[in-house]
Each structure stands twice: as C-alpha cells, then as structure tokens.
Amino acid sequence: MKKIIWIVTLLSSFLYSYNNEITYDNDRGLYIVVNEIINIRDEPTTKSDVLYQKYRGNMLLVDRASNGGWLQLENGKYIYKNGIKKLDPNNIFKLKIVVTNARIRSKPSVKNGVVVEDGLKKDSEVFAIEKIGKWYLLIDGNYIWANSVSLPE
C-alpha cells in the first residue's frame, strides 16, 4: 500500500510541475521497467555509451518523447521505449490471492523463473497494472497467473 501511495504522489507531483506548459506529450509520465535490464544512455542512439542500467520493477519519470522510439527522462538521459510500461494511477488495481501458494514469475509463462519461491499465501493482496492474456502484470514488473487471483469485492 505504501508503494501505491508513493507512486500516486510521485506521479501527481510530476504532472503538477508541468501543468502550465502549452504543449502536452502523451509519453510524459511514470513508467515501470518490465524487462530484466534496460540501458540508460546520454544520447538517443545505441551508439551512445550506456551510463547506467535499471532493472525490473524500477520506476522512471519520462519527460518527453524523442526521435525513433526513444524517451527522454526527467534527468535528460535517454531510454528506448521497449521494456518499459507506462503507469496510470487510475488503472492500478488490487488482486486477492485465492490459492495456497501463488507463484510470482519474472515473465508471463510457467517456464520462466519463479521470483517468490515459497509463493504468496492465500488471501494475500498484490497490485496489478494490466491483464495480459492469462497473466497479470504486477506493479513490481513481475507476473502472476490469473487463476491464482481474484478481484476483491
């Protein structure tokens, strides 16, 4: 719950700081890394050196779009838009675990690594940002099988 409040506060502050600008960029906002690793670069090209990396579940503030699928972060550095997902605080929803041990996975497949080895216990809650087929993308960038959860009433 603290993470949700932090995300909503961060996104609200970010959007508020830009509310007086004349133009609006639909790519501006808070993003979550959904790939294992993504590279942050000084220029919007793969020829630019990698300055640092972000990992699954890390959050990024995007300032605006650049050319060719690149996004400029609030710190002026660049990231390619594959491997990240835009967060909308209005679309974050709570899920209730309905099985004894729900496995959290790094990708939406039973063949991919289990992130939480013992599984989440029945009646625990997790937060998701999107349903993708039979999987939910969780707010930390990992996945849970849809049959393991239900939407609370």
N, C-alpha and C. Protein backbone atom coordinates (compact mmCIF):
# COMPACT_ATOMS: atom_id res chain seq x y z
N MET A 1 0.82 -1.19 0.00
CA MET A 1 0.00 0.00 0.00
C MET A 1 0.87 1.26 0.00
N LYS A 2 1.99 1.22 0.76
CA LYS A 2 2.88 2.38 0.80
C LYS A 2 3.43 2.67 -0.59
N LYS A 3 3.72 1.61 -1.37
CA LYS A 3 4.28 1.79 -2.71
C LYS A 3 3.26 2.47 -3.62
N ILE A 4 1.98 2.10 -3.50
CA ILE A 4 0.92 2.73 -4.30
C ILE A 4 0.82 4.22 -3.96
N ILE A 5 0.81 4.54 -2.68
CA ILE A 5 0.72 5.94 -2.26
C ILE A 5 1.92 6.71 -2.79
N TRP A 6 3.12 6.11 -2.70
CA TRP A 6 4.33 6.76 -3.21
C TRP A 6 4.22 7.01 -4.71
N ILE A 7 3.73 6.02 -5.47
CA ILE A 7 3.61 6.15 -6.92
C ILE A 7 2.62 7.26 -7.27
N VAL A 8 1.46 7.25 -6.63
CA VAL A 8 0.44 8.27 -6.91
C VAL A 8 0.97 9.65 -6.56
N THR A 9 1.64 9.78 -5.42
CA THR A 9 2.21 11.07 -5.02
C THR A 9 3.27 11.54 -6.01
N LEU A 10 4.15 10.63 -6.39
CA LEU A 10 5.21 10.96 -7.34
C LEU A 10 4.63 11.38 -8.68
N LEU A 11 3.67 10.61 -9.18
CA LEU A 11 3.06 10.94 -10.46
C LEU A 11 2.32 12.27 -10.39
N SER A 12 1.58 12.51 -9.31
CA SER A 12 0.86 13.76 -9.15
C SER A 12 1.81 14.95 -9.14
N SER A 13 2.91 14.83 -8.39
CA SER A 13 3.90 15.91 -8.33
C SER A 13 4.51 16.18 -9.69
N PHE A 14 4.83 15.09 -10.40
CA PHE A 14 5.44 15.21 -11.72
C PHE A 14 4.49 15.92 -12.69
N LEU A 15 3.23 15.48 -12.72
CA LEU A 15 2.26 16.09 -13.63
C LEU A 15 1.95 17.53 -13.23
N TYR A 16 1.89 17.81 -11.92
CA TYR A 16 1.61 19.16 -11.46
C TYR A 16 2.70 20.13 -11.90
N SER A 17 3.94 19.66 -11.89
CA SER A 17 5.05 20.55 -12.24
C SER A 17 5.01 20.97 -13.71
N TYR A 18 4.23 20.27 -14.52
CA TYR A 18 4.16 20.58 -15.94
C TYR A 18 2.80 21.15 -16.37
N ASN A 19 1.92 21.40 -15.42
CA ASN A 19 0.57 21.80 -15.81
C ASN A 19 0.48 23.18 -16.45
N ASN A 20 1.52 23.98 -16.39
CA ASN A 20 1.48 25.31 -17.00
C ASN A 20 2.11 25.35 -18.39
N GLU A 21 2.60 24.20 -18.87
CA GLU A 21 3.18 24.17 -20.20
C GLU A 21 2.09 24.20 -21.26
N ILE A 22 2.39 24.77 -22.41
CA ILE A 22 1.43 24.89 -23.50
C ILE A 22 1.22 23.56 -24.21
N THR A 23 2.28 22.81 -24.43
CA THR A 23 2.15 21.54 -25.13
C THR A 23 2.06 20.39 -24.15
N TYR A 24 1.44 19.30 -24.58
CA TYR A 24 1.32 18.11 -23.74
C TYR A 24 1.87 16.93 -24.52
N ASP A 25 2.73 16.16 -23.89
CA ASP A 25 3.33 15.00 -24.51
C ASP A 25 2.71 13.75 -23.88
N ASN A 26 2.03 12.94 -24.69
CA ASN A 26 1.36 11.75 -24.17
C ASN A 26 2.34 10.72 -23.61
N ASP A 27 3.61 10.83 -23.94
CA ASP A 27 4.60 9.90 -23.41
C ASP A 27 5.11 10.30 -22.03
N ARG A 28 4.83 11.52 -21.61
CA ARG A 28 5.27 12.00 -20.30
C ARG A 28 4.55 11.22 -19.21
N GLY A 29 5.30 10.83 -18.17
CA GLY A 29 4.66 10.15 -17.05
C GLY A 29 5.59 9.19 -16.33
N LEU A 30 5.00 8.41 -15.47
CA LEU A 30 5.71 7.43 -14.66
C LEU A 30 5.67 6.07 -15.36
N TYR A 31 6.82 5.43 -15.47
CA TYR A 31 6.95 4.14 -16.14
C TYR A 31 7.57 3.12 -15.18
N ILE A 32 7.30 1.85 -15.45
CA ILE A 32 7.91 0.75 -14.72
C ILE A 32 8.72 -0.08 -15.71
N VAL A 33 9.88 -0.55 -15.27
CA VAL A 33 10.71 -1.42 -16.10
C VAL A 33 10.13 -2.83 -16.03
N VAL A 34 9.81 -3.42 -17.20
CA VAL A 34 9.27 -4.78 -17.24
C VAL A 34 10.26 -5.78 -17.82
N ASN A 35 11.32 -5.32 -18.46
CA ASN A 35 12.40 -6.21 -18.90
C ASN A 35 13.33 -6.47 -17.72
N GLU A 36 14.19 -7.47 -17.87
CA GLU A 36 15.17 -7.75 -16.81
C GLU A 36 16.06 -6.53 -16.56
N ILE A 37 16.60 -5.97 -17.64
CA ILE A 37 17.54 -4.83 -17.56
C ILE A 37 17.28 -3.91 -18.75
N ILE A 38 17.36 -2.62 -18.52
CA ILE A 38 17.32 -1.65 -19.62
C ILE A 38 18.48 -0.68 -19.44
N ASN A 39 18.94 -0.14 -20.56
CA ASN A 39 20.09 0.76 -20.55
C ASN A 39 19.66 2.22 -20.60
N ILE A 40 20.32 3.03 -19.83
CA ILE A 40 20.12 4.48 -19.84
C ILE A 40 21.33 5.09 -20.54
N ARG A 41 21.06 5.95 -21.53
CA ARG A 41 22.13 6.50 -22.37
C ARG A 41 22.11 8.02 -22.35
N ASP A 42 23.23 8.61 -22.76
CA ASP A 42 23.38 10.06 -22.81
C ASP A 42 22.68 10.66 -24.03
N GLU A 43 22.63 9.91 -25.10
CA GLU A 43 22.00 10.36 -26.35
C GLU A 43 21.01 9.30 -26.83
N PRO A 44 20.01 9.69 -27.64
CA PRO A 44 19.00 8.74 -28.12
C PRO A 44 19.48 7.88 -29.29
N THR A 45 20.50 7.06 -29.01
CA THR A 45 21.06 6.16 -30.01
C THR A 45 21.79 5.03 -29.30
N THR A 46 21.79 3.84 -29.90
CA THR A 46 22.53 2.73 -29.31
C THR A 46 24.04 2.92 -29.45
N LYS A 47 24.46 3.90 -30.22
CA LYS A 47 25.88 4.21 -30.35
C LYS A 47 26.40 5.00 -29.15
N SER A 48 25.47 5.57 -28.39
CA SER A 48 25.84 6.31 -27.19
C SER A 48 26.18 5.31 -26.07
N ASP A 49 27.18 5.65 -25.27
CA ASP A 49 27.58 4.76 -24.18
C ASP A 49 26.43 4.56 -23.19
N VAL A 50 26.40 3.36 -22.59
CA VAL A 50 25.44 3.07 -21.51
C VAL A 50 25.97 3.75 -20.25
N LEU A 51 25.20 4.66 -19.69
CA LEU A 51 25.61 5.36 -18.47
C LEU A 51 25.33 4.54 -17.22
N TYR A 52 24.15 3.92 -17.21
CA TYR A 52 23.76 3.05 -16.10
C TYR A 52 22.57 2.21 -16.56
N GLN A 53 22.14 1.30 -15.71
CA GLN A 53 21.03 0.41 -16.05
C GLN A 53 19.96 0.46 -14.98
N LYS A 54 18.75 0.14 -15.40
CA LYS A 54 17.62 -0.02 -14.49
C LYS A 54 17.12 -1.45 -14.62
N TYR A 55 16.50 -1.94 -13.57
CA TYR A 55 16.10 -3.33 -13.50
C TYR A 55 14.59 -3.47 -13.32
N ARG A 56 14.09 -4.69 -13.61
CA ARG A 56 12.66 -4.98 -13.49
C ARG A 56 12.11 -4.42 -12.18
N GLY A 57 11.01 -3.70 -12.30
CA GLY A 57 10.35 -3.12 -11.13
C GLY A 57 10.79 -1.71 -10.79
N ASN A 58 11.92 -1.25 -11.35
CA ASN A 58 12.35 0.13 -11.11
C ASN A 58 11.39 1.10 -11.80
N MET A 59 11.22 2.26 -11.21
CA MET A 59 10.35 3.29 -11.76
C MET A 59 11.19 4.37 -12.43
N LEU A 60 10.63 4.97 -13.49
CA LEU A 60 11.29 6.03 -14.23
C LEU A 60 10.30 7.15 -14.52
N LEU A 61 10.76 8.38 -14.45
CA LEU A 61 9.94 9.52 -14.86
C LEU A 61 10.37 9.96 -16.25
N VAL A 62 9.47 9.88 -17.20
CA VAL A 62 9.75 10.28 -18.58
C VAL A 62 9.25 11.70 -18.77
N ASP A 63 10.12 12.54 -19.32
CA ASP A 63 9.79 13.94 -19.56
C ASP A 63 9.11 14.11 -20.91
N ARG A 64 9.67 13.49 -21.96
CA ARG A 64 9.08 13.67 -23.28
C ARG A 64 9.63 12.63 -24.25
N ALA A 65 8.95 12.50 -25.37
CA ALA A 65 9.39 11.59 -26.43
C ALA A 65 10.51 12.24 -27.21
N SER A 66 11.36 11.40 -27.77
CA SER A 66 12.41 11.85 -28.67
C SER A 66 12.19 11.12 -29.99
N ASN A 67 13.15 11.18 -30.88
CA ASN A 67 13.01 10.54 -32.19
C ASN A 67 13.22 9.03 -32.13
N GLY A 68 12.55 8.31 -33.00
CA GLY A 68 12.81 6.89 -33.22
C GLY A 68 12.53 5.96 -32.06
N GLY A 69 11.53 6.26 -31.24
CA GLY A 69 11.18 5.36 -30.15
C GLY A 69 11.94 5.61 -28.85
N TRP A 70 12.73 6.65 -28.80
CA TRP A 70 13.47 6.99 -27.59
C TRP A 70 12.65 7.93 -26.72
N LEU A 71 12.82 7.83 -25.42
CA LEU A 71 12.16 8.71 -24.46
C LEU A 71 13.23 9.41 -23.64
N GLN A 72 12.99 10.70 -23.38
CA GLN A 72 13.93 11.44 -22.55
C GLN A 72 13.42 11.44 -21.11
N LEU A 73 14.29 11.05 -20.19
CA LEU A 73 13.94 11.02 -18.77
C LEU A 73 14.01 12.43 -18.19
N GLU A 74 13.48 12.58 -16.97
CA GLU A 74 13.47 13.89 -16.34
C GLU A 74 14.88 14.40 -16.06
N ASN A 75 15.88 13.49 -16.03
CA ASN A 75 17.26 13.90 -15.79
C ASN A 75 18.01 14.21 -17.09
N GLY A 76 17.29 14.18 -18.23
CA GLY A 76 17.90 14.50 -19.52
C GLY A 76 18.53 13.31 -20.24
N LYS A 77 18.57 12.15 -19.60
CA LYS A 77 19.13 10.95 -20.22
C LYS A 77 18.06 10.26 -21.05
N TYR A 78 18.45 9.23 -21.82
CA TYR A 78 17.52 8.60 -22.76
C TYR A 78 17.37 7.11 -22.52
N ILE A 79 16.19 6.62 -22.85
CA ILE A 79 15.87 5.21 -22.74
C ILE A 79 15.02 4.83 -23.95
N TYR A 80 15.24 3.64 -24.47
CA TYR A 80 14.40 3.17 -25.57
C TYR A 80 13.12 2.62 -24.98
N LYS A 81 11.98 2.88 -25.64
CA LYS A 81 10.68 2.58 -25.02
C LYS A 81 10.33 1.10 -24.90
N ASN A 82 11.06 0.20 -25.59
CA ASN A 82 10.81 -1.23 -25.37
C ASN A 82 11.32 -1.62 -24.00
N GLY A 83 10.55 -2.43 -23.28
CA GLY A 83 10.99 -2.90 -21.97
C GLY A 83 10.49 -2.09 -20.81
N ILE A 84 9.68 -1.05 -21.09
CA ILE A 84 9.07 -0.28 -20.01
C ILE A 84 7.57 -0.16 -20.29
N LYS A 85 6.81 0.10 -19.25
CA LYS A 85 5.35 0.21 -19.36
C LYS A 85 4.91 1.44 -18.59
N LYS A 86 4.08 2.26 -19.24
CA LYS A 86 3.58 3.48 -18.59
C LYS A 86 2.56 3.12 -17.53
N LEU A 87 2.69 3.76 -16.37
CA LEU A 87 1.76 3.55 -15.27
C LEU A 87 0.70 4.64 -15.26
N ASP A 88 -0.52 4.23 -15.03
CA ASP A 88 -1.62 5.16 -14.85
C ASP A 88 -2.23 4.87 -13.49
N PRO A 89 -2.10 5.79 -12.52
CA PRO A 89 -2.60 5.53 -11.17
C PRO A 89 -4.09 5.17 -11.15
N ASN A 90 -4.82 5.61 -12.16
CA ASN A 90 -6.25 5.29 -12.21
C ASN A 90 -6.51 3.84 -12.62
N ASN A 91 -5.47 3.18 -13.17
CA ASN A 91 -5.65 1.80 -13.63
C ASN A 91 -4.91 0.78 -12.77
N ILE A 92 -4.41 1.16 -11.61
CA ILE A 92 -3.78 0.21 -10.70
C ILE A 92 -4.89 -0.42 -9.87
N PHE A 93 -4.90 -1.75 -9.83
CA PHE A 93 -5.96 -2.42 -9.09
C PHE A 93 -5.41 -3.51 -8.20
N LYS A 94 -6.18 -3.82 -7.14
CA LYS A 94 -5.78 -4.81 -6.15
C LYS A 94 -6.32 -6.18 -6.53
N LEU A 95 -5.50 -7.21 -6.31
CA LEU A 95 -5.89 -8.59 -6.54
C LEU A 95 -5.72 -9.37 -5.24
N LYS A 96 -6.60 -10.32 -5.02
CA LYS A 96 -6.54 -11.17 -3.83
C LYS A 96 -6.09 -12.57 -4.25
N ILE A 97 -5.11 -13.12 -3.54
CA ILE A 97 -4.62 -14.46 -3.82
C ILE A 97 -5.68 -15.47 -3.38
N VAL A 98 -6.03 -16.42 -4.28
CA VAL A 98 -7.09 -17.40 -3.98
C VAL A 98 -6.57 -18.84 -3.91
N VAL A 99 -5.27 -19.02 -4.07
CA VAL A 99 -4.67 -20.36 -3.98
C VAL A 99 -3.72 -20.40 -2.79
N THR A 100 -3.31 -21.61 -2.41
CA THR A 100 -2.46 -21.77 -1.23
C THR A 100 -1.10 -21.08 -1.40
N ASN A 101 -0.43 -21.29 -2.52
CA ASN A 101 0.89 -20.69 -2.77
C ASN A 101 0.95 -20.16 -4.20
N ALA A 102 0.69 -18.89 -4.37
CA ALA A 102 0.71 -18.28 -5.71
C ALA A 102 2.14 -17.93 -6.08
N ARG A 103 2.58 -18.41 -7.22
CA ARG A 103 3.94 -18.14 -7.68
C ARG A 103 3.99 -16.82 -8.46
N ILE A 104 4.97 -16.01 -8.14
CA ILE A 104 5.23 -14.77 -8.87
C ILE A 104 6.38 -15.08 -9.82
N ARG A 105 6.21 -14.72 -11.09
CA ARG A 105 7.21 -15.07 -12.11
C ARG A 105 7.76 -13.82 -12.80
N SER A 106 8.97 -13.98 -13.35
CA SER A 106 9.64 -12.85 -14.00
C SER A 106 9.07 -12.55 -15.38
N LYS A 107 8.41 -13.53 -16.01
CA LYS A 107 7.77 -13.36 -17.31
C LYS A 107 6.46 -14.11 -17.30
N PRO A 108 5.54 -13.78 -18.21
CA PRO A 108 4.22 -14.43 -18.20
C PRO A 108 4.25 -15.84 -18.80
N SER A 109 4.90 -16.74 -18.09
CA SER A 109 5.00 -18.13 -18.54
C SER A 109 5.41 -19.00 -17.37
N VAL A 110 4.87 -20.22 -17.30
CA VAL A 110 5.26 -21.15 -16.24
C VAL A 110 6.67 -21.67 -16.45
N LYS A 111 7.25 -21.41 -17.60
CA LYS A 111 8.61 -21.86 -17.91
C LYS A 111 9.66 -20.86 -17.42
N ASN A 112 9.23 -19.69 -16.97
CA ASN A 112 10.18 -18.68 -16.53
C ASN A 112 10.36 -18.71 -15.02
N GLY A 113 11.46 -18.11 -14.60
CA GLY A 113 11.87 -18.14 -13.20
C GLY A 113 10.82 -17.67 -12.22
N VAL A 114 10.75 -18.39 -11.11
CA VAL A 114 9.87 -18.02 -10.00
C VAL A 114 10.59 -16.97 -9.17
N VAL A 115 9.95 -15.84 -8.95
CA VAL A 115 10.55 -14.75 -8.19
C VAL A 115 10.34 -14.96 -6.70
N VAL A 116 9.14 -15.39 -6.31
CA VAL A 116 8.83 -15.68 -4.91
C VAL A 116 8.75 -17.20 -4.78
N GLU A 117 9.80 -17.81 -4.26
CA GLU A 117 9.94 -19.27 -4.26
C GLU A 117 8.84 -19.98 -3.48
N ASP A 118 8.54 -19.52 -2.28
CA ASP A 118 7.52 -20.18 -1.46
C ASP A 118 6.10 -19.82 -1.89
N GLY A 119 5.96 -18.84 -2.73
CA GLY A 119 4.64 -18.40 -3.18
C GLY A 119 3.99 -17.46 -2.17
N LEU A 120 3.04 -16.72 -2.67
CA LEU A 120 2.27 -15.83 -1.80
C LEU A 120 1.11 -16.62 -1.21
N LYS A 121 0.84 -16.40 0.03
CA LYS A 121 -0.19 -17.15 0.76
C LYS A 121 -1.60 -16.71 0.37
N LYS A 122 -2.53 -17.64 0.51
CA LYS A 122 -3.94 -17.37 0.23
C LYS A 122 -4.41 -16.17 1.05
N ASP A 123 -5.24 -15.34 0.43
CA ASP A 123 -5.82 -14.12 1.00
C ASP A 123 -4.84 -12.94 1.05
N SER A 124 -3.58 -13.14 0.59
CA SER A 124 -2.66 -12.01 0.45
C SER A 124 -3.16 -11.12 -0.68
N GLU A 125 -2.63 -9.91 -0.75
CA GLU A 125 -3.03 -8.98 -1.81
C GLU A 125 -1.81 -8.51 -2.58
N VAL A 126 -2.00 -8.31 -3.88
CA VAL A 126 -0.97 -7.75 -4.75
C VAL A 126 -1.62 -6.68 -5.61
N PHE A 127 -0.81 -5.82 -6.21
CA PHE A 127 -1.32 -4.76 -7.06
C PHE A 127 -0.87 -4.98 -8.49
N ALA A 128 -1.79 -4.85 -9.43
CA ALA A 128 -1.51 -5.08 -10.84
C ALA A 128 -1.80 -3.82 -11.64
N ILE A 129 -1.17 -3.75 -12.84
CA ILE A 129 -1.40 -2.61 -13.72
C ILE A 129 -2.03 -3.02 -15.04
N GLU A 130 -2.05 -4.34 -15.31
CA GLU A 130 -2.61 -4.76 -16.60
C GLU A 130 -2.81 -6.27 -16.61
N LYS A 131 -3.85 -6.72 -17.32
CA LYS A 131 -4.03 -8.15 -17.57
C LYS A 131 -3.57 -8.42 -19.00
N ILE A 132 -2.68 -9.41 -19.13
CA ILE A 132 -2.13 -9.77 -20.43
C ILE A 132 -2.42 -11.26 -20.64
N GLY A 133 -3.44 -11.55 -21.43
CA GLY A 133 -3.83 -12.94 -21.62
C GLY A 133 -4.27 -13.56 -20.31
N LYS A 134 -3.61 -14.64 -19.90
CA LYS A 134 -3.93 -15.33 -18.65
C LYS A 134 -3.05 -14.88 -17.49
N TRP A 135 -2.38 -13.76 -17.65
CA TRP A 135 -1.44 -13.26 -16.64
C TRP A 135 -1.77 -11.82 -16.27
N TYR A 136 -1.42 -11.45 -15.05
CA TYR A 136 -1.48 -10.05 -14.62
C TYR A 136 -0.06 -9.53 -14.48
N LEU A 137 0.18 -8.33 -15.02
CA LEU A 137 1.44 -7.63 -14.82
C LEU A 137 1.33 -6.88 -13.50
N LEU A 138 2.19 -7.22 -12.56
CA LEU A 138 2.15 -6.60 -11.24
C LEU A 138 2.92 -5.28 -11.24
N ILE A 139 2.67 -4.49 -10.24
CA ILE A 139 3.27 -3.17 -10.15
C ILE A 139 4.80 -3.23 -10.01
N ASP A 140 5.34 -4.38 -9.60
CA ASP A 140 6.79 -4.51 -9.47
C ASP A 140 7.45 -5.03 -10.75
N GLY A 141 6.65 -5.22 -11.82
CA GLY A 141 7.20 -5.68 -13.09
C GLY A 141 7.19 -7.18 -13.26
N ASN A 142 6.74 -7.92 -12.26
CA ASN A 142 6.64 -9.37 -12.35
C ASN A 142 5.21 -9.77 -12.72
N TYR A 143 4.96 -11.07 -12.81
CA TYR A 143 3.67 -11.56 -13.28
C TYR A 143 3.09 -12.60 -12.34
N ILE A 144 1.75 -12.69 -12.35
CA ILE A 144 1.05 -13.73 -11.60
C ILE A 144 -0.04 -14.30 -12.50
N TRP A 145 -0.23 -15.61 -12.44
CA TRP A 145 -1.23 -16.29 -13.27
C TRP A 145 -2.62 -15.88 -12.81
N ALA A 146 -3.49 -15.56 -13.76
CA ALA A 146 -4.83 -15.04 -13.45
C ALA A 146 -5.67 -15.99 -12.60
N ASN A 147 -5.49 -17.30 -12.76
CA ASN A 147 -6.28 -18.25 -11.97
C ASN A 147 -5.85 -18.30 -10.51
N SER A 148 -4.76 -17.64 -10.16
CA SER A 148 -4.27 -17.59 -8.79
C SER A 148 -4.88 -16.46 -7.97
N VAL A 149 -5.59 -15.56 -8.65
CA VAL A 149 -6.09 -14.35 -8.00
C VAL A 149 -7.53 -14.05 -8.38
N SER A 150 -8.11 -13.15 -7.61
CA SER A 150 -9.44 -12.63 -7.97
C SER A 150 -9.47 -11.15 -7.62
N LEU A 151 -10.39 -10.45 -8.25
CA LEU A 151 -10.59 -9.04 -7.91
C LEU A 151 -11.42 -9.00 -6.63
N PRO A 152 -10.96 -8.30 -5.58
CA PRO A 152 -11.74 -8.24 -4.34
C PRO A 152 -13.08 -7.54 -4.59
N GLU A 153 -14.04 -7.94 -3.81
CA GLU A 153 -15.38 -7.34 -3.94
C GLU A 153 -15.48 -6.03 -3.22
